[in-house]
Every structure is written in structure tokens, then in C-alpha cells.
């Protein structure tokens, strides 16, 4: 499986292990990554709070962890390079000090 870190448009510092994430000096954040696990689905673009954050995510690919503050985020998933074809639109609450895969 290849990592698609080059497609992420959010600045972040990635710890190497989950334990390191939770034991870091800044433990007021959460860590989130996105995985594309919908078989036979097209490549997708992910928008977070209406901002393109991940582009051309392919089936079976996932991002590295992104450090985010706790809170509610709106997630929109579109076919890659096609904002006319919305696949999903939902809100997610990211819990403080959590490690989550969406």
C-alpha cells in the first residue's frame, strides 16, 4: 500500500507511533487519518469544512495522521476532480486525545 502524504494540503507533524502521539507534549489535540475502503468506488477528493484537504485518494490508500484540535468537522467526499458528484456529506466530532481513522 502506498502512502499519499504528498496529496495532503494540511501542515502537520507526524509522530512515528500511536504511543508517541498520546505521550507528546501537546496532548490537547487528536490525530486523524482518512482511508478509502469502498471497493469499486472511484478515486475521491475529501473536503474538510469546505476546503479541499485530500485529493485523488485511491481505493485501499490512506493518509498519514493529521494533528487536529478537538471539535466538529464537516466532511464532504466527491469523485476526484468532480465537485458535481457528491458521494458523502457528514459531520464528525473529533474527541480530544483520540486517534481516529475515517
PDB file of N, CA and C in Angstrom:
ATOM      1  N   UNK A   1       0.847  -1.169   0.000  1.00  0.00           N
ATOM      2  CA  UNK A   1       0.000   0.000   0.000  1.00  0.00           C
ATOM      3  C   UNK A   1       0.897   1.237   0.000  1.00  0.00           C
ATOM      4  N   UNK A   2       0.564   2.179  -0.818  1.00  0.00           N
ATOM      5  CA  UNK A   2       1.411   3.366  -0.868  1.00  0.00           C
ATOM      6  C   UNK A   2       0.813   4.468  -0.002  1.00  0.00           C
ATOM      7  N   UNK A   3       1.661   5.286   0.565  1.00  0.00           N
ATOM      8  CA  UNK A   3       1.206   6.421   1.358  1.00  0.00           C
ATOM      9  C   UNK A   3       1.047   7.615   0.437  1.00  0.00           C
ATOM     10  N   UNK A   4       0.042   8.420   0.675  1.00  0.00           N
ATOM     11  CA  UNK A   4      -0.228   9.545  -0.212  1.00  0.00           C
ATOM     12  C   UNK A   4      -0.005  10.868   0.491  1.00  0.00           C
ATOM     13  N   UNK A   5       1.001  10.928   1.297  1.00  0.00           N
ATOM     14  CA  UNK A   5       1.291  12.123   2.074  1.00  0.00           C
ATOM     15  C   UNK A   5       1.426  13.365   1.193  1.00  0.00           C
ATOM     16  N   UNK A   6       1.906  13.193  -0.040  1.00  0.00           N
ATOM     17  CA  UNK A   6       2.101  14.339  -0.914  1.00  0.00           C
ATOM     18  C   UNK A   6       0.782  14.975  -1.337  1.00  0.00           C
ATOM     19  N   UNK A   7      -0.347  14.332  -1.138  1.00  0.00           N
ATOM     20  CA  UNK A   7      -1.634  14.877  -1.543  1.00  0.00           C
ATOM     21  C   UNK A   7      -2.332  15.651  -0.435  1.00  0.00           C
ATOM     22  N   UNK A   8      -1.787  15.673   0.750  1.00  0.00           N
ATOM     23  CA  UNK A   8      -2.452  16.313   1.873  1.00  0.00           C
ATOM     24  C   UNK A   8      -2.057  17.780   1.919  1.00  0.00           C
ATOM     25  N   UNK A   9      -3.045  18.640   2.027  1.00  0.00           N
ATOM     26  CA  UNK A   9      -2.812  20.077   1.995  1.00  0.00           C
ATOM     27  C   UNK A   9      -2.852  20.712   3.381  1.00  0.00           C
ATOM     28  N   UNK A  10      -2.659  19.941   4.426  1.00  0.00           N
ATOM     29  CA  UNK A  10      -2.712  20.455   5.793  1.00  0.00           C
ATOM     30  C   UNK A  10      -1.328  20.297   6.418  1.00  0.00           C
ATOM     31  N   UNK A  11      -0.769  21.358   6.996  1.00  0.00           N
ATOM     32  CA  UNK A  11       0.532  21.208   7.650  1.00  0.00           C
ATOM     33  C   UNK A  11       0.393  20.406   8.943  1.00  0.00           C
ATOM     34  N   UNK A  12       1.317  19.509   9.182  1.00  0.00           N
ATOM     35  CA  UNK A  12       1.246  18.680  10.374  1.00  0.00           C
ATOM     36  C   UNK A  12       2.609  18.088  10.678  1.00  0.00           C
ATOM     37  N   UNK A  13       2.754  17.612  11.899  1.00  0.00           N
ATOM     38  CA  UNK A  13       3.954  16.925  12.335  1.00  0.00           C
ATOM     39  C   UNK A  13       3.532  15.520  12.742  1.00  0.00           C
ATOM     40  N   UNK A  14       4.053  14.507  12.093  1.00  0.00           N
ATOM     41  CA  UNK A  14       3.588  13.142  12.297  1.00  0.00           C
ATOM     42  C   UNK A  14       4.496  12.382  13.261  1.00  0.00           C
ATOM     43  N   UNK A  15       3.988  11.982  14.410  1.00  0.00           N
ATOM     44  CA  UNK A  15       4.758  11.091  15.278  1.00  0.00           C
ATOM     45  C   UNK A  15       4.864   9.719  14.604  1.00  0.00           C
ATOM     46  N   UNK A  16       5.831   8.936  14.991  1.00  0.00           N
ATOM     47  CA  UNK A  16       6.042   7.663  14.313  1.00  0.00           C
ATOM     48  C   UNK A  16       5.175   6.539  14.860  1.00  0.00           C
ATOM     49  N   UNK A  17       4.685   6.650  16.070  1.00  0.00           N
ATOM     50  CA  UNK A  17       3.860   5.593  16.652  1.00  0.00           C
ATOM     51  C   UNK A  17       2.671   6.211  17.386  1.00  0.00           C
ATOM     52  N   UNK A  18       1.621   5.442  17.515  1.00  0.00           N
ATOM     53  CA  UNK A  18       0.427   5.921  18.215  1.00  0.00           C
ATOM     54  C   UNK A  18       0.772   6.276  19.659  1.00  0.00           C
ATOM     55  N   UNK A  19       1.605   5.480  20.320  1.00  0.00           N
ATOM     56  CA  UNK A  19       2.006   5.788  21.697  1.00  0.00           C
ATOM     57  C   UNK A  19       2.688   7.148  21.782  1.00  0.00           C
ATOM     58  N   UNK A  20       3.524   7.465  20.795  1.00  0.00           N
ATOM     59  CA  UNK A  20       4.205   8.748  20.770  1.00  0.00           C
ATOM     60  C   UNK A  20       3.208   9.891  20.629  1.00  0.00           C
ATOM     61  N   UNK A  21       2.135   9.664  19.877  1.00  0.00           N
ATOM     62  CA  UNK A  21       1.119  10.700  19.702  1.00  0.00           C
ATOM     63  C   UNK A  21       0.480  11.067  21.029  1.00  0.00           C
ATOM     64  N   UNK A  22       0.097  10.082  21.784  1.00  0.00           N
ATOM     65  CA  UNK A  22      -0.626  10.337  23.020  1.00  0.00           C
ATOM     66  C   UNK A  22       0.287  10.785  24.145  1.00  0.00           C
ATOM     67  N   UNK A  23       1.595  10.538  24.035  1.00  0.00           N
ATOM     68  CA  UNK A  23       2.536  10.935  25.075  1.00  0.00           C
ATOM     69  C   UNK A  23       3.304  12.201  24.717  1.00  0.00           C
ATOM     70  N   UNK A  24       2.919  12.857  23.632  1.00  0.00           N
ATOM     71  CA  UNK A  24       3.631  14.056  23.216  1.00  0.00           C
ATOM     72  C   UNK A  24       3.325  15.209  24.163  1.00  0.00           C
ATOM     73  N   UNK A  25       4.151  16.264  24.074  1.00  0.00           N
ATOM     74  CA  UNK A  25       3.950  17.434  24.932  1.00  0.00           C
ATOM     75  C   UNK A  25       2.610  18.096  24.660  1.00  0.00           C
ATOM     76  N   UNK A  26       2.194  18.119  23.399  1.00  0.00           N
ATOM     77  CA  UNK A  26       0.918  18.735  23.037  1.00  0.00           C
ATOM     78  C   UNK A  26      -0.155  17.653  23.012  1.00  0.00           C
ATOM     79  N   UNK A  27      -0.765  17.386  24.141  1.00  0.00           N
ATOM     80  CA  UNK A  27      -1.793  16.352  24.192  1.00  0.00           C
ATOM     81  C   UNK A  27      -3.191  16.964  24.200  1.00  0.00           C
ATOM     82  N   UNK A  28      -3.326  18.180  23.668  1.00  0.00           N
ATOM     83  CA  UNK A  28      -4.635  18.826  23.575  1.00  0.00           C
ATOM     84  C   UNK A  28      -5.219  18.651  22.173  1.00  0.00           C
ATOM     85  N   UNK A  29      -4.651  17.777  21.404  1.00  0.00           N
ATOM     86  CA  UNK A  29      -5.096  17.552  20.035  1.00  0.00           C
ATOM     87  C   UNK A  29      -5.548  16.116  19.860  1.00  0.00           C
ATOM     88  N   UNK A  30      -6.001  15.838  18.657  1.00  0.00           N
ATOM     89  CA  UNK A  30      -6.354  14.480  18.253  1.00  0.00           C
ATOM     90  C   UNK A  30      -5.621  14.198  16.952  1.00  0.00           C
ATOM     91  N   UNK A  31      -5.531  12.940  16.596  1.00  0.00           N
ATOM     92  CA  UNK A  31      -4.886  12.532  15.353  1.00  0.00           C
ATOM     93  C   UNK A  31      -5.903  11.778  14.501  1.00  0.00           C
ATOM     94  N   UNK A  32      -5.972  12.187  13.241  1.00  0.00           N
ATOM     95  CA  UNK A  32      -6.972  11.624  12.336  1.00  0.00           C
ATOM     96  C   UNK A  32      -6.292  11.249  11.026  1.00  0.00           C
ATOM     97  N   UNK A  33      -6.696  10.127  10.466  1.00  0.00           N
ATOM     98  CA  UNK A  33      -6.288   9.781   9.110  1.00  0.00           C
ATOM     99  C   UNK A  33      -7.531   9.353   8.343  1.00  0.00           C
ATOM    100  N   UNK A  34      -7.430   9.362   7.023  1.00  0.00           N
ATOM    101  CA  UNK A  34      -8.555   9.002   6.172  1.00  0.00           C
ATOM    102  C   UNK A  34      -8.158   7.796   5.340  1.00  0.00           C
ATOM    103  N   UNK A  35      -9.050   6.809   5.266  1.00  0.00           N
ATOM    104  CA  UNK A  35      -8.821   5.609   4.460  1.00  0.00           C
ATOM    105  C   UNK A  35      -9.941   5.481   3.431  1.00  0.00           C
ATOM    106  N   UNK A  36      -9.596   5.058   2.239  1.00  0.00           N
ATOM    107  CA  UNK A  36     -10.580   4.805   1.180  1.00  0.00           C
ATOM    108  C   UNK A  36     -10.758   3.291   1.108  1.00  0.00           C
ATOM    109  N   UNK A  37     -11.873   2.792   1.644  1.00  0.00           N
ATOM    110  CA  UNK A  37     -12.091   1.345   1.708  1.00  0.00           C
ATOM    111  C   UNK A  37     -13.358   0.909   0.996  1.00  0.00           C
ATOM    112  N   UNK A  38     -13.876   1.762   0.127  1.00  0.00           N
ATOM    113  CA  UNK A  38     -15.087   1.419  -0.630  1.00  0.00           C
ATOM    114  C   UNK A  38     -14.679   0.733  -1.925  1.00  0.00           C
ATOM    115  N   UNK A  39     -14.827  -0.576  -1.959  1.00  0.00           N
ATOM    116  CA  UNK A  39     -14.447  -1.348  -3.149  1.00  0.00           C
ATOM    117  C   UNK A  39     -15.231  -0.877  -4.368  1.00  0.00           C
ATOM    118  N   UNK A  40     -14.579  -0.858  -5.473  1.00  0.00           N
ATOM    119  CA  UNK A  40     -15.141  -0.466  -6.776  1.00  0.00           C
ATOM    120  C   UNK A  40     -15.621   0.980  -6.809  1.00  0.00           C
ATOM    121  N   UNK A  41     -15.230   1.760  -5.845  1.00  0.00           N
ATOM    122  CA  UNK A  41     -15.581   3.184  -5.843  1.00  0.00           C
ATOM    123  C   UNK A  41     -14.480   3.950  -6.580  1.00  0.00           C
ATOM    124  N   UNK A  42     -14.830   5.097  -7.131  1.00  0.00           N
ATOM    125  CA  UNK A  42     -13.812   5.887  -7.842  1.00  0.00           C
ATOM    126  C   UNK A  42     -12.835   6.527  -6.863  1.00  0.00           C
ATOM    127  N   UNK A  43     -11.753   7.082  -7.397  1.00  0.00           N
ATOM    128  CA  UNK A  43     -10.853   7.903  -6.586  1.00  0.00           C
ATOM    129  C   UNK A  43     -11.669   9.071  -6.047  1.00  0.00           C
ATOM    130  N   UNK A  44     -11.299   9.555  -4.871  1.00  0.00           N
ATOM    131  CA  UNK A  44     -12.102  10.599  -4.237  1.00  0.00           C
ATOM    132  C   UNK A  44     -11.261  11.791  -3.810  1.00  0.00           C
ATOM    133  N   UNK A  45     -11.938  12.925  -3.690  1.00  0.00           N
ATOM    134  CA  UNK A  45     -11.397  14.131  -3.075  1.00  0.00           C
ATOM    135  C   UNK A  45     -12.148  14.332  -1.769  1.00  0.00           C
ATOM    136  N   UNK A  46     -11.435  14.702  -0.714  1.00  0.00           N
ATOM    137  CA  UNK A  46     -12.025  14.909   0.604  1.00  0.00           C
ATOM    138  C   UNK A  46     -11.934  16.390   0.942  1.00  0.00           C
ATOM    139  N   UNK A  47     -13.077  16.966   1.286  1.00  0.00           N
ATOM    140  CA  UNK A  47     -13.148  18.357   1.723  1.00  0.00           C
ATOM    141  C   UNK A  47     -13.451  18.368   3.208  1.00  0.00           C
ATOM    142  N   UNK A  48     -12.692  19.156   3.959  1.00  0.00           N
ATOM    143  CA  UNK A  48     -12.930  19.336   5.384  1.00  0.00           C
ATOM    144  C   UNK A  48     -13.326  20.794   5.575  1.00  0.00           C
ATOM    145  N   UNK A  49     -14.538  20.981   6.110  1.00  0.00           N
ATOM    146  CA  UNK A  49     -15.091  22.331   6.285  1.00  0.00           C
ATOM    147  C   UNK A  49     -14.991  23.129   4.981  1.00  0.00           C
ATOM    148  N   UNK A  50     -15.387  22.484   3.894  1.00  0.00           N
ATOM    149  CA  UNK A  50     -15.455  23.077   2.544  1.00  0.00           C
ATOM    150  C   UNK A  50     -14.101  23.469   1.961  1.00  0.00           C
ATOM    151  N   UNK A  51     -13.021  22.918   2.490  1.00  0.00           N
ATOM    152  CA  UNK A  51     -11.688  23.165   1.936  1.00  0.00           C
ATOM    153  C   UNK A  51     -11.106  21.837   1.453  1.00  0.00           C
ATOM    154  N   UNK A  52     -10.658  21.795   0.184  1.00  0.00           N
ATOM    155  CA  UNK A  52     -10.039  20.586  -0.337  1.00  0.00           C
ATOM    156  C   UNK A  52      -8.821  20.255   0.510  1.00  0.00           C
ATOM    157  N   UNK A  53      -8.843  19.076   1.118  1.00  0.00           N
ATOM    158  CA  UNK A  53      -7.786  18.674   2.032  1.00  0.00           C
ATOM    159  C   UNK A  53      -6.998  17.486   1.498  1.00  0.00           C
ATOM    160  N   UNK A  54      -7.684  16.544   0.868  1.00  0.00           N
ATOM    161  CA  UNK A  54      -7.047  15.343   0.312  1.00  0.00           C
ATOM    162  C   UNK A  54      -7.581  15.159  -1.096  1.00  0.00           C
ATOM    163  N   UNK A  55      -6.693  14.991  -2.062  1.00  0.00           N
ATOM    164  CA  UNK A  55      -7.149  14.826  -3.434  1.00  0.00           C
ATOM    165  C   UNK A  55      -6.683  13.494  -4.008  1.00  0.00           C
ATOM    166  N   UNK A  56      -7.510  12.952  -4.875  1.00  0.00           N
ATOM    167  CA  UNK A  56      -7.206  11.713  -5.610  1.00  0.00           C
ATOM    168  C   UNK A  56      -6.862  10.534  -4.705  1.00  0.00           C
ATOM    169  N   UNK A  57      -7.602  10.365  -3.640  1.00  0.00           N
ATOM    170  CA  UNK A  57      -7.391   9.217  -2.752  1.00  0.00           C
ATOM    171  C   UNK A  57      -7.945   7.978  -3.442  1.00  0.00           C
ATOM    172  N   UNK A  58      -7.097   6.984  -3.644  1.00  0.00           N
ATOM    173  CA  UNK A  58      -7.480   5.766  -4.351  1.00  0.00           C
ATOM    174  C   UNK A  58      -7.949   4.695  -3.382  1.00  0.00           C
ATOM    175  N   UNK A  59      -8.747   3.755  -3.905  1.00  0.00           N
ATOM    176  CA  UNK A  59      -9.186   2.606  -3.124  1.00  0.00           C
ATOM    177  C   UNK A  59      -7.966   1.907  -2.517  1.00  0.00           C
ATOM    178  N   UNK A  60      -8.065   1.572  -1.248  1.00  0.00           N
ATOM    179  CA  UNK A  60      -7.047   0.911  -0.435  1.00  0.00           C
ATOM    180  C   UNK A  60      -5.917   1.828   0.015  1.00  0.00           C
ATOM    181  N   UNK A  61      -5.987   3.106  -0.303  1.00  0.00           N
ATOM    182  CA  UNK A  61      -4.988   4.055   0.174  1.00  0.00           C
ATOM    183  C   UNK A  61      -5.484   4.731   1.452  1.00  0.00           C
ATOM    184  N   UNK A  62      -4.554   5.253   2.210  1.00  0.00           N
ATOM    185  CA  UNK A  62      -4.902   6.013   3.399  1.00  0.00           C
ATOM    186  C   UNK A  62      -3.850   7.075   3.607  1.00  0.00           C
ATOM    187  N   UNK A  63      -4.217   8.101   4.325  1.00  0.00           N
ATOM    188  CA  UNK A  63      -3.294   9.199   4.602  1.00  0.00           C
ATOM    189  C   UNK A  63      -2.493   8.887   5.854  1.00  0.00           C
ATOM    190  N   UNK A  64      -1.496   9.697   6.092  1.00  0.00           N
ATOM    191  CA  UNK A  64      -0.816   9.645   7.376  1.00  0.00           C
ATOM    192  C   UNK A  64      -1.688  10.413   8.380  1.00  0.00           C
ATOM    193  N   UNK A  65      -1.333  10.353   9.641  1.00  0.00           N
ATOM    194  CA  UNK A  65      -2.138  11.038  10.650  1.00  0.00           C
ATOM    195  C   UNK A  65      -1.970  12.550  10.554  1.00  0.00           C
ATOM    196  N   UNK A  66      -3.080  13.241  10.711  1.00  0.00           N
ATOM    197  CA  UNK A  66      -3.122  14.696  10.714  1.00  0.00           C
ATOM    198  C   UNK A  66      -3.480  15.132  12.132  1.00  0.00           C
ATOM    199  N   UNK A  67      -2.727  16.056  12.679  1.00  0.00           N
ATOM    200  CA  UNK A  67      -2.991  16.553  14.028  1.00  0.00           C
ATOM    201  C   UNK A  67      -4.044  17.655  13.939  1.00  0.00           C
ATOM    202  N   UNK A  68      -5.141  17.483  14.679  1.00  0.00           N
ATOM    203  CA  UNK A  68      -6.246  18.439  14.665  1.00  0.00           C
ATOM    204  C   UNK A  68      -6.685  18.755  16.086  1.00  0.00           C
ATOM    205  N   UNK A  69      -7.219  19.961  16.286  1.00  0.00           N
ATOM    206  CA  UNK A  69      -7.847  20.235  17.580  1.00  0.00           C
ATOM    207  C   UNK A  69      -9.176  19.486  17.673  1.00  0.00           C
ATOM    208  N   UNK A  70      -9.569  19.178  18.873  1.00  0.00           N
ATOM    209  CA  UNK A  70     -10.859  18.534  19.099  1.00  0.00           C
ATOM    210  C   UNK A  70     -11.970  19.453  18.603  1.00  0.00           C
ATOM    211  N   UNK A  71     -13.041  18.869  18.066  1.00  0.00           N
ATOM    212  CA  UNK A  71     -14.171  19.671  17.605  1.00  0.00           C
ATOM    213  C   UNK A  71     -14.956  18.959  16.529  1.00  0.00           C
ATOM    214  N   UNK A  72     -15.949  19.648  16.001  1.00  0.00           N
ATOM    215  CA  UNK A  72     -16.806  19.103  14.955  1.00  0.00           C
ATOM    216  C   UNK A  72     -16.327  19.590  13.592  1.00  0.00           C
ATOM    217  N   UNK A  73     -16.239  18.674  12.656  1.00  0.00           N
ATOM    218  CA  UNK A  73     -15.792  18.959  11.305  1.00  0.00           C
ATOM    219  C   UNK A  73     -16.823  18.443  10.308  1.00  0.00           C
ATOM    220  N   UNK A  74     -17.041  19.210   9.247  1.00  0.00           N
ATOM    221  CA  UNK A  74     -17.890  18.743   8.163  1.00  0.00           C
ATOM    222  C   UNK A  74     -16.992  18.089   7.118  1.00  0.00           C
ATOM    223  N   UNK A  75     -17.352  16.880   6.720  1.00  0.00           N
ATOM    224  CA  UNK A  75     -16.585  16.116   5.739  1.00  0.00           C
ATOM    225  C   UNK A  75     -17.454  15.920   4.499  1.00  0.00           C
ATOM    226  N   UNK A  76     -16.909  16.270   3.350  1.00  0.00           N
ATOM    227  CA  UNK A  76     -17.587  16.014   2.080  1.00  0.00           C
ATOM    228  C   UNK A  76     -16.651  15.180   1.215  1.00  0.00           C
ATOM    229  N   UNK A  77     -17.216  14.161   0.582  1.00  0.00           N
ATOM    230  CA  UNK A  77     -16.449  13.278  -0.283  1.00  0.00           C
ATOM    231  C   UNK A  77     -17.031  13.381  -1.686  1.00  0.00           C
ATOM    232  N   UNK A  78     -16.163  13.700  -2.644  1.00  0.00           N
ATOM    233  CA  UNK A  78     -16.562  13.819  -4.042  1.00  0.00           C
ATOM    234  C   UNK A  78     -15.731  12.859  -4.888  1.00  0.00           C
ATOM    235  N   UNK A  79     -16.269  12.525  -6.064  1.00  0.00           N
ATOM    236  CA  UNK A  79     -15.411  11.858  -7.046  1.00  0.00           C
ATOM    237  C   UNK A  79     -14.230  12.777  -7.294  1.00  0.00           C
ATOM    238  N   UNK A  80     -13.071  12.201  -7.539  1.00  0.00           N
ATOM    239  CA  UNK A  80     -11.868  13.006  -7.763  1.00  0.00           C
ATOM    240  C   UNK A  80     -12.083  13.968  -8.922  1.00  0.00           C
ATOM    241  N   UNK A  81     -11.717  15.207  -8.702  1.00  0.00           N
ATOM    242  CA  UNK A  81     -11.790  16.262  -9.726  1.00  0.00           C
ATOM    243  C   UNK A  81     -13.206  16.508 -10.251  1.00  0.00           C
ATOM    244  N   UNK A  82     -14.229  16.252  -9.419  1.00  0.00           N
ATOM    245  CA  UNK A  82     -15.607  16.432  -9.875  1.00  0.00           C
ATOM    246  C   UNK A  82     -16.493  16.824  -8.692  1.00  0.00           C
ATOM    247  N   UNK A  83     -16.604  18.111  -8.415  1.00  0.00           N
ATOM    248  CA  UNK A  83     -17.425  18.557  -7.293  1.00  0.00           C
ATOM    249  C   UNK A  83     -18.917  18.528  -7.614  1.00  0.00           C
ATOM    250  N   UNK A  84     -19.298  18.083  -8.796  1.00  0.00           N
ATOM    251  CA  UNK A  84     -20.708  17.916  -9.138  1.00  0.00           C
ATOM    252  C   UNK A  84     -21.248  16.579  -8.647  1.00  0.00           C
ATOM    253  N   UNK A  85     -20.358  15.668  -8.233  1.00  0.00           N
ATOM    254  CA  UNK A  85     -20.780  14.319  -7.847  1.00  0.00           C
ATOM    255  C   UNK A  85     -20.424  14.065  -6.389  1.00  0.00           C
ATOM    256  N   UNK A  86     -21.325  14.484  -5.495  1.00  0.00           N
ATOM    257  CA  UNK A  86     -21.128  14.317  -4.049  1.00  0.00           C
ATOM    258  C   UNK A  86     -21.423  12.870  -3.655  1.00  0.00           C
ATOM    259  N   UNK A  87     -20.476  12.225  -2.993  1.00  0.00           N
ATOM    260  CA  UNK A  87     -20.645  10.842  -2.546  1.00  0.00           C
ATOM    261  C   UNK A  87     -21.069  10.750  -1.087  1.00  0.00           C
ATOM    262  N   UNK A  88     -20.600  11.684  -0.271  1.00  0.00           N
ATOM    263  CA  UNK A  88     -20.944  11.670   1.158  1.00  0.00           C
ATOM    264  C   UNK A  88     -20.815  13.079   1.722  1.00  0.00           C
ATOM    265  N   UNK A  89     -21.662  13.368   2.699  1.00  0.00           N
ATOM    266  CA  UNK A  89     -21.634  14.659   3.393  1.00  0.00           C
ATOM    267  C   UNK A  89     -22.058  14.386   4.833  1.00  0.00           C
ATOM    268  N   UNK A  90     -21.134  14.554   5.783  1.00  0.00           N
ATOM    269  CA  UNK A  90     -21.459  14.264   7.174  1.00  0.00           C
ATOM    270  C   UNK A  90     -20.601  15.119   8.102  1.00  0.00           C
ATOM    271  N   UNK A  91     -21.052  15.235   9.333  1.00  0.00           N
ATOM    272  CA  UNK A  91     -20.290  15.914  10.378  1.00  0.00           C
ATOM    273  C   UNK A  91     -19.710  14.846  11.296  1.00  0.00           C
ATOM    274  N   UNK A  92     -18.521  15.120  11.785  1.00  0.00           N
ATOM    275  CA  UNK A  92     -17.879  14.186  12.707  1.00  0.00           C
ATOM    276  C   UNK A  92     -17.281  14.990  13.856  1.00  0.00           C
ATOM    277  N   UNK A  93     -17.438  14.477  15.068  1.00  0.00           N
ATOM    278  CA  UNK A  93     -16.837  15.104  16.228  1.00  0.00           C
ATOM    279  C   UNK A  93     -15.542  14.368  16.543  1.00  0.00           C
ATOM    280  N   UNK A  94     -14.453  15.086  16.553  1.00  0.00           N
ATOM    281  CA  UNK A  94     -13.146  14.521  16.868  1.00  0.00           C
ATOM    282  C   UNK A  94     -12.889  14.723  18.360  1.00  0.00           C
ATOM    283  N   UNK A  95     -12.710  13.638  19.070  1.00  0.00           N
ATOM    284  CA  UNK A  95     -12.555  13.652  20.519  1.00  0.00           C
ATOM    285  C   UNK A  95     -11.124  13.994  20.898  1.00  0.00           C
ATOM    286  N   UNK A  96     -10.977  14.809  21.919  1.00  0.00           N
ATOM    287  CA  UNK A  96      -9.668  15.187  22.457  1.00  0.00           C
ATOM    288  C   UNK A  96      -8.844  13.947  22.778  1.00  0.00           C
ATOM    289  N   UNK A  97      -7.567  13.980  22.420  1.00  0.00           N
ATOM    290  CA  UNK A  97      -6.604  12.907  22.703  1.00  0.00           C
ATOM    291  C   UNK A  97      -6.968  11.574  22.053  1.00  0.00           C
ATOM    292  N   UNK A  98      -7.688  11.609  20.921  1.00  0.00           N
ATOM    293  CA  UNK A  98      -8.063  10.384  20.242  1.00  0.00           C
ATOM    294  C   UNK A  98      -7.201  10.162  19.002  1.00  0.00           C
ATOM    295  N   UNK A  99      -7.184   8.934  18.549  1.00  0.00           N
ATOM    296  CA  UNK A  99      -6.528   8.552  17.302  1.00  0.00           C
ATOM    297  C   UNK A  99      -7.602   7.859  16.487  1.00  0.00           C
ATOM    298  N   UNK A 100      -7.979   8.470  15.352  1.00  0.00           N
ATOM    299  CA  UNK A 100      -9.153   8.049  14.598  1.00  0.00           C
ATOM    300  C   UNK A 100      -8.831   7.821  13.135  1.00  0.00           C
ATOM    301  N   UNK A 101      -9.457   6.811  12.555  1.00  0.00           N
ATOM    302  CA  UNK A 101      -9.424   6.604  11.104  1.00  0.00           C
ATOM    303  C   UNK A 101     -10.842   6.793  10.591  1.00  0.00           C
ATOM    304  N   UNK A 102     -10.970   7.672   9.592  1.00  0.00           N
ATOM    305  CA  UNK A 102     -12.270   7.925   8.989  1.00  0.00           C
ATOM    306  C   UNK A 102     -12.331   7.165   7.676  1.00  0.00           C
TER     307      UNK A 102
END
